[in-house]
Protein backbone atom coordinates (compact mmCIF):
# COMPACT_ATOMS: atom_id res chain seq x y z
CA MET A 1 0.00 0.00 0.00
CA LEU A 2 1.58 3.23 -1.16
CA LEU A 3 0.95 6.44 0.78
CA ARG A 4 1.93 9.96 -0.22
CA MET A 5 4.44 11.72 2.01
CA ALA A 6 1.89 14.39 2.95
CA VAL A 7 -0.44 11.65 4.20
CA LEU A 8 2.38 9.85 6.02
CA ASP A 9 3.34 13.06 7.82
CA ARG A 10 -0.26 13.54 8.98
CA ILE A 11 -0.45 9.93 10.17
CA LYS A 12 2.72 10.48 12.19
CA ARG A 13 1.22 13.62 13.75
CA GLY A 14 -1.97 11.72 14.60
CA GLU A 15 -4.14 13.79 12.25
CA ILE A 16 -5.06 10.79 10.06
CA SER A 17 -6.02 7.43 11.52
CA LEU A 18 -7.95 5.91 8.60
CA VAL A 19 -7.13 5.23 4.97
CA PHE A 20 -9.60 4.07 2.32
CA ARG A 21 -8.64 2.03 -0.72
CA ARG A 22 -10.36 0.22 -3.58
CA TRP A 23 -8.82 -3.23 -3.95
CA GLN A 24 -9.64 -6.54 -5.56
CA LYS A 25 -8.14 -7.98 -2.37
CA PRO A 26 -6.35 -6.27 0.56
CA THR A 27 -2.60 -5.76 0.35
CA VAL A 28 -2.30 -5.34 4.13
CA ARG A 29 -3.87 -7.27 6.99
CA SER A 30 -5.18 -6.52 10.48
CA GLY A 31 -2.41 -6.81 13.04
CA GLY A 32 0.33 -6.37 10.46
CA THR A 33 2.82 -3.57 9.92
CA LEU A 34 3.86 -1.44 6.96
CA GLN A 35 7.35 -0.05 6.34
CA THR A 36 7.17 3.52 5.00
CA ALA A 37 9.41 6.51 4.40
CA ILE A 38 8.60 7.88 7.89
CA GLY A 39 8.93 4.59 9.76
CA VAL A 40 6.65 1.72 10.70
CA LEU A 41 2.85 1.88 10.65
CA SER A 42 0.70 -0.55 12.64
CA ILE A 43 -2.30 -1.86 10.70
CA LEU A 44 -4.99 -2.02 13.37
CA ASP A 45 -7.99 -3.13 11.33
CA VAL A 46 -8.89 -3.86 7.69
CA ARG A 47 -12.53 -4.29 6.68
CA GLU A 48 -14.82 -3.95 3.66
CA VAL A 49 -17.23 -1.01 3.62
CA ARG A 50 -20.00 0.21 1.31
CA GLU A 51 -20.10 3.81 0.13
CA PRO A 52 -23.42 4.64 1.87
CA ARG A 53 -22.07 3.30 5.17
CA ILE A 54 -18.99 5.54 5.39
CA PRO A 55 -19.86 7.94 8.25
CA ARG A 56 -18.86 11.58 8.44
CA ALA A 57 -16.52 10.82 11.35
CA ASP A 58 -14.52 8.36 9.23
CA VAL A 59 -14.26 10.88 6.40
CA VAL A 60 -12.63 13.35 8.81
CA LYS A 61 -10.32 10.68 10.28
CA ALA A 62 -9.15 9.96 6.73
CA GLY A 63 -8.17 13.61 6.28
CA PHE A 64 -10.95 14.69 3.91
CA ALA A 65 -13.26 17.66 4.28
CA THR A 66 -16.20 15.96 2.57
CA LYS A 67 -17.35 12.47 1.63
CA THR A 68 -17.49 13.62 -1.99
CA ALA A 69 -13.77 14.41 -1.89
CA LEU A 70 -13.00 10.98 -0.43
CA LEU A 71 -15.06 9.12 -3.04
CA SER A 72 -13.49 11.20 -5.81
CA GLU A 73 -10.08 10.01 -4.63
CA LEU A 74 -11.30 6.41 -4.83
CA ALA A 75 -13.02 6.76 -8.20
CA ALA A 76 -9.84 6.15 -10.23
CA ARG A 77 -9.71 2.45 -9.27
CA ASP A 78 -12.08 -0.50 -9.43
CA GLY A 79 -12.76 -2.96 -6.67
CA THR A 80 -14.21 -3.16 -3.18
CA ILE A 81 -13.73 -0.26 -0.78
CA PHE A 82 -11.66 -1.16 2.26
CA ARG A 83 -11.35 0.85 5.47
CA ILE A 84 -7.84 0.60 6.98
CA ALA A 85 -7.29 1.81 10.54
CA LEU A 86 -3.63 2.53 11.26
CA GLU A 87 -1.23 4.44 13.46
CA TYR A 88 2.43 5.42 13.60
CA ALA A 89 4.37 2.73 15.46
CA GLY A 90 7.85 4.22 15.48
CA ALA A 91 11.05 4.69 13.52
CA ASP A 92 12.17 2.14 10.95
CA PRO A 93 14.23 -0.38 12.98
CA ARG A 94 16.53 -0.84 9.97
CA ILE A 95 17.86 2.70 10.53
CA ALA A 96 19.31 1.86 13.95
CA LEU A 97 20.43 -1.54 12.68
CA ARG A 98 22.41 -0.20 9.75
CA GLN A 99 24.27 2.36 11.90
CA ARG A 100 25.95 -0.35 13.97
CA ALA A 101 29.49 -0.63 12.65
CA VAL A 102 30.79 -2.92 15.41
CA LEU A 103 29.32 -6.43 15.36
CA SER A 104 30.12 -9.42 17.52
CA GLY A 105 31.43 -12.60 15.97
CA ASP A 106 28.05 -14.26 16.45
CA GLU A 107 26.28 -11.35 14.72
CA LEU A 108 28.67 -11.48 11.76
CA ASP A 109 28.22 -15.22 11.45
CA ALA A 110 24.44 -14.84 11.56
CA VAL A 111 24.45 -12.26 8.76
CA ARG A 112 26.84 -14.38 6.70
CA THR A 113 24.48 -17.35 7.10
CA ARG A 114 21.55 -15.22 5.87
CA LEU A 115 23.58 -14.09 2.86
CA HIS A 116 24.64 -17.64 2.05
CA ARG A 117 20.98 -18.67 2.03
CA LEU A 118 20.18 -15.89 -0.43
CA ASP A 119 23.10 -17.02 -2.61
CA ALA A 120 21.95 -20.65 -2.46
CA ARG A 121 18.46 -19.76 -3.73
CA ALA A 122 19.76 -17.82 -6.74
CA PRO A 123 20.09 -19.87 -9.96
CA ALA A 124 22.63 -17.32 -11.19
CA GLY A 125 24.94 -18.32 -8.35
CA PRO A 126 26.34 -16.30 -5.42
CA TRP A 127 25.62 -12.61 -5.76
CA THR A 128 25.50 -10.98 -2.33
CA GLU A 129 29.18 -10.15 -1.88
CA ARG A 130 29.54 -9.02 -5.48
CA LEU A 131 26.59 -6.65 -5.18
CA LEU A 132 27.83 -5.24 -1.87
CA SER A 133 31.27 -4.69 -3.43
CA THR A 134 29.78 -3.01 -6.49
CA ILE A 135 27.74 -0.62 -4.34
CA GLU A 136 30.85 0.15 -2.29
CA GLN A 137 32.83 0.96 -5.42
CA HIS A 138 30.02 2.90 -7.12
CA PRO A 139 28.03 4.81 -4.47
CA ASP A 140 25.00 6.84 -5.54
CA VAL A 141 24.99 5.26 -9.00
CA ALA A 142 21.60 4.57 -10.56
CA ALA A 143 20.32 0.99 -10.45
CA ARG A 144 20.24 0.88 -14.25
CA VAL A 145 23.97 1.60 -14.46
CA LEU A 146 24.82 -0.91 -11.73
CA ALA A 147 22.75 -3.55 -13.50
CA GLU A 148 24.66 -2.97 -16.74
CA GLN A 149 27.97 -3.40 -14.91
CA LEU A 150 26.78 -6.63 -13.27
CA GLY A 151 25.15 -8.04 -16.38
CA CYS A 152 21.68 -8.33 -14.87
CA GLU A 153 18.32 -6.62 -15.24
CA ARG A 154 17.56 -3.48 -13.26
CA ASP A 155 14.38 -4.87 -11.65
CA TRP A 156 16.22 -7.99 -10.51
CA LEU A 157 19.01 -5.87 -9.01
CA LYS A 158 16.55 -3.62 -7.18
CA LEU A 159 14.85 -6.67 -5.69
CA GLN A 160 18.17 -7.98 -4.39
CA VAL A 161 19.13 -4.60 -2.94
CA ARG A 162 15.86 -4.56 -1.00
CA LYS A 163 16.86 -7.88 0.57
CA LEU A 164 20.21 -6.39 1.61
CA LYS A 165 18.45 -3.30 2.94
CA THR A 166 16.21 -5.48 5.11
CA LEU A 167 19.40 -6.82 6.72
CA GLY A 168 20.56 -3.23 7.38
CA LEU A 169 23.44 -3.45 4.90
CA THR A 170 22.53 -0.75 2.37
CA VAL A 171 21.01 2.72 2.25
CA SER A 172 18.86 3.87 -0.67
CA HIS A 173 19.36 7.28 -2.26
CA ASP A 174 18.08 9.14 -5.29
CA PRO A 175 19.83 7.88 -7.28
CA GLY A 176 21.63 4.73 -6.24
CA TYR A 177 22.75 3.19 -3.00
CA THR A 178 25.56 3.22 -0.45
CA LEU A 179 26.73 0.69 2.11
CA SER A 180 25.68 1.37 5.68
CA PRO A 181 28.29 1.18 8.47
CA ARG A 182 26.91 -2.30 9.19
CA GLY A 183 27.20 -3.19 5.50
CA ARG A 184 30.84 -2.13 5.40
CA ALA A 185 31.61 -4.24 8.47
CA VAL A 186 29.87 -7.28 6.98
CA LEU A 187 31.61 -6.88 3.61
CA SER A 188 34.99 -6.67 5.34
CA HIS A 189 34.12 -9.86 7.24
CA LEU A 190 33.13 -11.67 4.03
CA ARG A 191 36.37 -10.68 2.35
CA GLY A 192 38.33 -11.87 5.35
CA THR A 193 36.72 -15.30 5.25
CA GLY A 194 37.38 -15.68 1.52
CA ALA A 195 33.97 -17.34 1.28
CA SER A 196 33.30 -16.18 -2.28
CA ARG A 197 36.71 -15.44 -3.71
CA HIS A 198 35.96 -17.10 -7.07
CA LEU A 199 32.44 -16.02 -7.94
CA PRO A 200 31.03 -16.80 -11.39
CA PRO A 201 29.67 -13.84 -13.34
CA LEU A 202 26.03 -12.98 -12.85
CA ARG A 203 23.68 -14.01 -15.63
CA PRO A 204 20.86 -11.73 -16.79
CA ALA A 205 17.94 -11.80 -14.40
CA ALA A 206 15.72 -13.31 -17.10
CA ASP A 207 17.67 -16.51 -16.45
CA ALA A 208 17.94 -15.99 -12.72
CA LYS A 209 14.51 -16.24 -11.11
CA GLU A 210 14.59 -16.99 -7.42
CA LYS A 211 14.00 -20.53 -6.28
CA SER A 212 11.34 -21.13 -3.67
CA PRO A 213 12.74 -21.16 -0.12
């Protein structure tokens, strides 16, 4: 579920506590969370509603002056209307994670194990250390350019970077990426172990769809 920055800011300030969407099926669930540009949102409740049953109070909680304005916003899409109750839950935990430059031996081993699992599921072969190294050598370079250098498709590369970001190893910019302090520590550890000293070249992502876990 994508939310505009202006809406996210109002959710963080407590001015908006409801969002309405037209969906064929919900993309969030009650009790779940949503990572956003401002941090983590808690999804408190997701339910179907009918247009006539949207009360004035809910219109205001969604940040609209009138019900007409709310329905106009929803008119561009087809599907069932869903009412999503949410609230700001706090800062993105990946931010604190990626700032940690000093990791214990157990922490380094745990991250290396996670990376090895990602490598093992990739038909193209090991890619995690190569991608970390490429980002280190080419900070703030657009994904399209990095993909050309690695011989893979841009969308495939962006998917892999998101996996590294979840582990707190990279930081996204406009354009490109950099390694976080945690990412630099992990890359140094990988190089020290020599775990992937002789990596085969990446194949284009069209030939490198992820295997099921």
